[in-house]
Amino acid sequence: MTQIIRYCPDCGRARVFAQHHGVPGRCPDAIDGSCPEWYCHACGAAFLIAAVPLQFESATQYGIRDRVA
């Protein structure tokens, strides 16, 4: 498990943060497997530390180009 020390806004001081996934690069929620979610060991507060990669798909790919929501 990867750990870092960051300021925790809930605790009000520097705390140890860790990623939920035990194996780095194996996050099922991220496209590249690199999990951006970290949580505080002391209080459980969680936040994102990284850019979240997004993958956009064309509306024409699904045949809904001229549809209105």
N, C-alpha and C. Protein backbone atom coordinates (compact mmCIF):
# COMPACT_ATOMS: atom_id res chain seq x y z
N MET A 1 0.84 -1.17 0.00
CA MET A 1 0.00 0.00 0.00
C MET A 1 0.89 1.24 0.00
N THR A 2 0.60 2.19 -0.88
CA THR A 2 1.36 3.42 -0.98
C THR A 2 0.87 4.42 0.05
N GLN A 3 1.82 5.11 0.70
CA GLN A 3 1.47 6.10 1.71
C GLN A 3 2.21 7.40 1.46
N ILE A 4 1.57 8.52 1.80
CA ILE A 4 2.20 9.84 1.73
C ILE A 4 1.74 10.64 2.95
N ILE A 5 2.44 11.72 3.25
CA ILE A 5 2.04 12.61 4.33
C ILE A 5 1.54 13.90 3.69
N ARG A 6 0.30 14.26 4.01
CA ARG A 6 -0.35 15.46 3.49
C ARG A 6 -1.11 16.14 4.61
N TYR A 7 -1.44 17.40 4.39
CA TYR A 7 -2.27 18.14 5.34
C TYR A 7 -3.70 17.62 5.23
N CYS A 8 -4.28 17.24 6.35
CA CYS A 8 -5.66 16.78 6.39
C CYS A 8 -6.54 17.93 6.89
N PRO A 9 -7.48 18.39 6.05
CA PRO A 9 -8.34 19.49 6.48
C PRO A 9 -9.28 19.12 7.62
N ASP A 10 -9.65 17.86 7.74
CA ASP A 10 -10.53 17.45 8.85
C ASP A 10 -9.79 17.36 10.18
N CYS A 11 -8.56 16.85 10.15
CA CYS A 11 -7.75 16.75 11.37
C CYS A 11 -7.09 18.07 11.73
N GLY A 12 -6.80 18.89 10.72
CA GLY A 12 -6.15 20.18 10.95
C GLY A 12 -4.64 20.10 11.07
N ARG A 13 -4.06 19.00 10.62
CA ARG A 13 -2.59 18.87 10.65
C ARG A 13 -2.13 17.81 9.66
N ALA A 14 -0.83 17.66 9.53
CA ALA A 14 -0.26 16.69 8.60
C ALA A 14 -0.54 15.27 9.09
N ARG A 15 -1.00 14.43 8.21
CA ARG A 15 -1.32 13.04 8.54
C ARG A 15 -0.85 12.11 7.44
N VAL A 16 -0.82 10.84 7.74
CA VAL A 16 -0.48 9.81 6.75
C VAL A 16 -1.72 9.52 5.91
N PHE A 17 -1.58 9.59 4.59
CA PHE A 17 -2.64 9.25 3.66
C PHE A 17 -2.21 8.02 2.88
N ALA A 18 -3.16 7.17 2.55
CA ALA A 18 -2.87 5.94 1.81
C ALA A 18 -3.93 5.74 0.73
N GLN A 19 -3.57 4.93 -0.24
CA GLN A 19 -4.53 4.55 -1.26
C GLN A 19 -5.24 3.29 -0.81
N HIS A 20 -6.47 3.17 -1.24
CA HIS A 20 -7.30 2.03 -0.84
C HIS A 20 -6.80 0.72 -1.43
N HIS A 21 -6.33 0.76 -2.66
CA HIS A 21 -5.93 -0.45 -3.35
C HIS A 21 -4.52 -0.89 -2.92
N GLY A 22 -4.39 -2.14 -2.57
CA GLY A 22 -3.12 -2.67 -2.06
C GLY A 22 -2.03 -2.77 -3.11
N VAL A 23 -2.39 -2.91 -4.37
CA VAL A 23 -1.40 -3.04 -5.44
C VAL A 23 -1.44 -1.78 -6.29
N PRO A 24 -0.34 -1.01 -6.36
CA PRO A 24 -0.32 0.20 -7.18
C PRO A 24 -0.60 -0.11 -8.65
N GLY A 25 -1.37 0.77 -9.29
CA GLY A 25 -1.66 0.61 -10.71
C GLY A 25 -2.78 -0.38 -11.00
N ARG A 26 -3.55 -0.79 -10.00
CA ARG A 26 -4.61 -1.79 -10.20
C ARG A 26 -6.00 -1.26 -9.82
N CYS A 27 -6.20 0.03 -9.91
CA CYS A 27 -7.50 0.62 -9.57
C CYS A 27 -8.50 0.34 -10.69
N PRO A 28 -9.62 -0.29 -10.38
CA PRO A 28 -10.60 -0.59 -11.42
C PRO A 28 -11.40 0.64 -11.87
N ASP A 29 -11.35 1.73 -11.10
CA ASP A 29 -12.11 2.94 -11.43
C ASP A 29 -11.35 3.91 -12.33
N ALA A 30 -10.05 3.72 -12.51
CA ALA A 30 -9.24 4.63 -13.31
C ALA A 30 -8.85 3.97 -14.62
N ILE A 31 -8.84 4.75 -15.68
CA ILE A 31 -8.51 4.23 -17.00
C ILE A 31 -7.09 3.66 -17.03
N ASP A 32 -6.14 4.41 -16.44
CA ASP A 32 -4.75 3.95 -16.47
C ASP A 32 -4.37 3.11 -15.25
N GLY A 33 -5.30 2.84 -14.36
CA GLY A 33 -5.04 2.00 -13.19
C GLY A 33 -4.44 2.74 -12.01
N SER A 34 -4.10 4.02 -12.20
CA SER A 34 -3.50 4.81 -11.14
C SER A 34 -4.61 5.51 -10.35
N CYS A 35 -4.86 5.06 -9.15
CA CYS A 35 -5.96 5.56 -8.34
C CYS A 35 -5.66 6.95 -7.78
N PRO A 36 -6.52 7.95 -8.04
CA PRO A 36 -6.30 9.29 -7.51
C PRO A 36 -6.88 9.49 -6.11
N GLU A 37 -7.56 8.50 -5.56
CA GLU A 37 -8.21 8.63 -4.27
C GLU A 37 -7.27 8.25 -3.12
N TRP A 38 -7.18 9.13 -2.14
CA TRP A 38 -6.35 8.90 -0.96
C TRP A 38 -7.20 9.14 0.27
N TYR A 39 -6.92 8.43 1.36
CA TYR A 39 -7.69 8.63 2.59
C TYR A 39 -6.75 8.78 3.78
N CYS A 40 -7.22 9.55 4.77
CA CYS A 40 -6.46 9.81 5.99
C CYS A 40 -6.56 8.61 6.92
N HIS A 41 -5.43 8.15 7.41
CA HIS A 41 -5.43 7.01 8.35
C HIS A 41 -6.09 7.36 9.67
N ALA A 42 -6.00 8.61 10.08
CA ALA A 42 -6.52 8.99 11.39
C ALA A 42 -8.04 9.16 11.40
N CYS A 43 -8.59 9.89 10.41
CA CYS A 43 -10.02 10.20 10.47
C CYS A 43 -10.83 9.63 9.31
N GLY A 44 -10.16 9.18 8.26
CA GLY A 44 -10.87 8.60 7.13
C GLY A 44 -11.28 9.58 6.05
N ALA A 45 -10.94 10.87 6.22
CA ALA A 45 -11.26 11.85 5.19
C ALA A 45 -10.58 11.44 3.89
N ALA A 46 -11.26 11.63 2.78
CA ALA A 46 -10.71 11.22 1.50
C ALA A 46 -10.74 12.38 0.52
N PHE A 47 -9.74 12.40 -0.37
CA PHE A 47 -9.73 13.40 -1.42
C PHE A 47 -8.92 12.90 -2.60
N LEU A 48 -8.99 13.65 -3.71
CA LEU A 48 -8.29 13.29 -4.93
C LEU A 48 -6.96 14.02 -4.98
N ILE A 49 -5.89 13.29 -5.28
CA ILE A 49 -4.57 13.88 -5.46
C ILE A 49 -4.09 13.44 -6.84
N ALA A 50 -4.49 14.14 -7.85
CA ALA A 50 -4.08 13.85 -9.23
C ALA A 50 -5.18 14.32 -10.16
N ALA A 51 -4.83 14.38 -11.39
CA ALA A 51 -5.84 14.68 -12.41
C ALA A 51 -6.56 13.38 -12.74
N VAL A 52 -7.85 13.46 -12.86
CA VAL A 52 -8.63 12.28 -13.18
C VAL A 52 -8.76 12.21 -14.70
N PRO A 53 -8.17 11.20 -15.33
CA PRO A 53 -8.26 11.11 -16.79
C PRO A 53 -9.68 10.77 -17.23
N LEU A 54 -10.14 11.45 -18.25
CA LEU A 54 -11.47 11.21 -18.77
C LEU A 54 -11.36 10.72 -20.20
N GLN A 55 -12.28 9.91 -20.60
CA GLN A 55 -12.31 9.40 -21.95
C GLN A 55 -13.68 9.75 -22.53
N PHE A 56 -13.69 10.65 -23.52
CA PHE A 56 -14.94 11.09 -24.12
C PHE A 56 -15.24 10.24 -25.34
N GLU A 57 -16.51 10.00 -25.55
CA GLU A 57 -16.95 9.23 -26.70
C GLU A 57 -17.83 10.11 -27.58
N SER A 58 -17.71 9.98 -28.85
CA SER A 58 -18.47 10.77 -29.80
C SER A 58 -19.94 10.36 -29.78
N ALA A 59 -20.83 11.36 -29.84
CA ALA A 59 -22.27 11.07 -29.88
C ALA A 59 -22.65 10.38 -31.19
N THR A 60 -21.90 10.66 -32.26
CA THR A 60 -22.21 10.03 -33.55
C THR A 60 -21.90 8.55 -33.52
N GLN A 61 -21.04 8.16 -32.62
CA GLN A 61 -20.69 6.74 -32.49
C GLN A 61 -21.92 5.91 -32.09
N TYR A 62 -22.84 6.51 -31.38
CA TYR A 62 -24.02 5.80 -30.91
C TYR A 62 -25.28 6.16 -31.69
N GLY A 63 -25.12 6.94 -32.75
CA GLY A 63 -26.27 7.28 -33.58
C GLY A 63 -27.23 8.25 -32.94
N ILE A 64 -26.75 9.10 -32.06
CA ILE A 64 -27.63 10.04 -31.37
C ILE A 64 -27.22 11.48 -31.67
N ARG A 65 -26.62 11.72 -32.77
CA ARG A 65 -26.10 13.03 -33.12
C ARG A 65 -27.16 14.12 -33.13
N ASP A 66 -28.31 13.88 -33.70
CA ASP A 66 -29.33 14.90 -33.84
C ASP A 66 -30.41 14.86 -32.77
N ARG A 67 -30.22 14.06 -31.76
CA ARG A 67 -31.22 13.97 -30.69
C ARG A 67 -31.05 15.09 -29.69
N VAL A 68 -32.14 15.49 -29.08
CA VAL A 68 -32.13 16.53 -28.05
C VAL A 68 -32.47 15.87 -26.73
N ALA A 69 -31.74 16.24 -25.70
CA ALA A 69 -31.96 15.63 -24.40
C ALA A 69 -33.25 16.07 -23.78
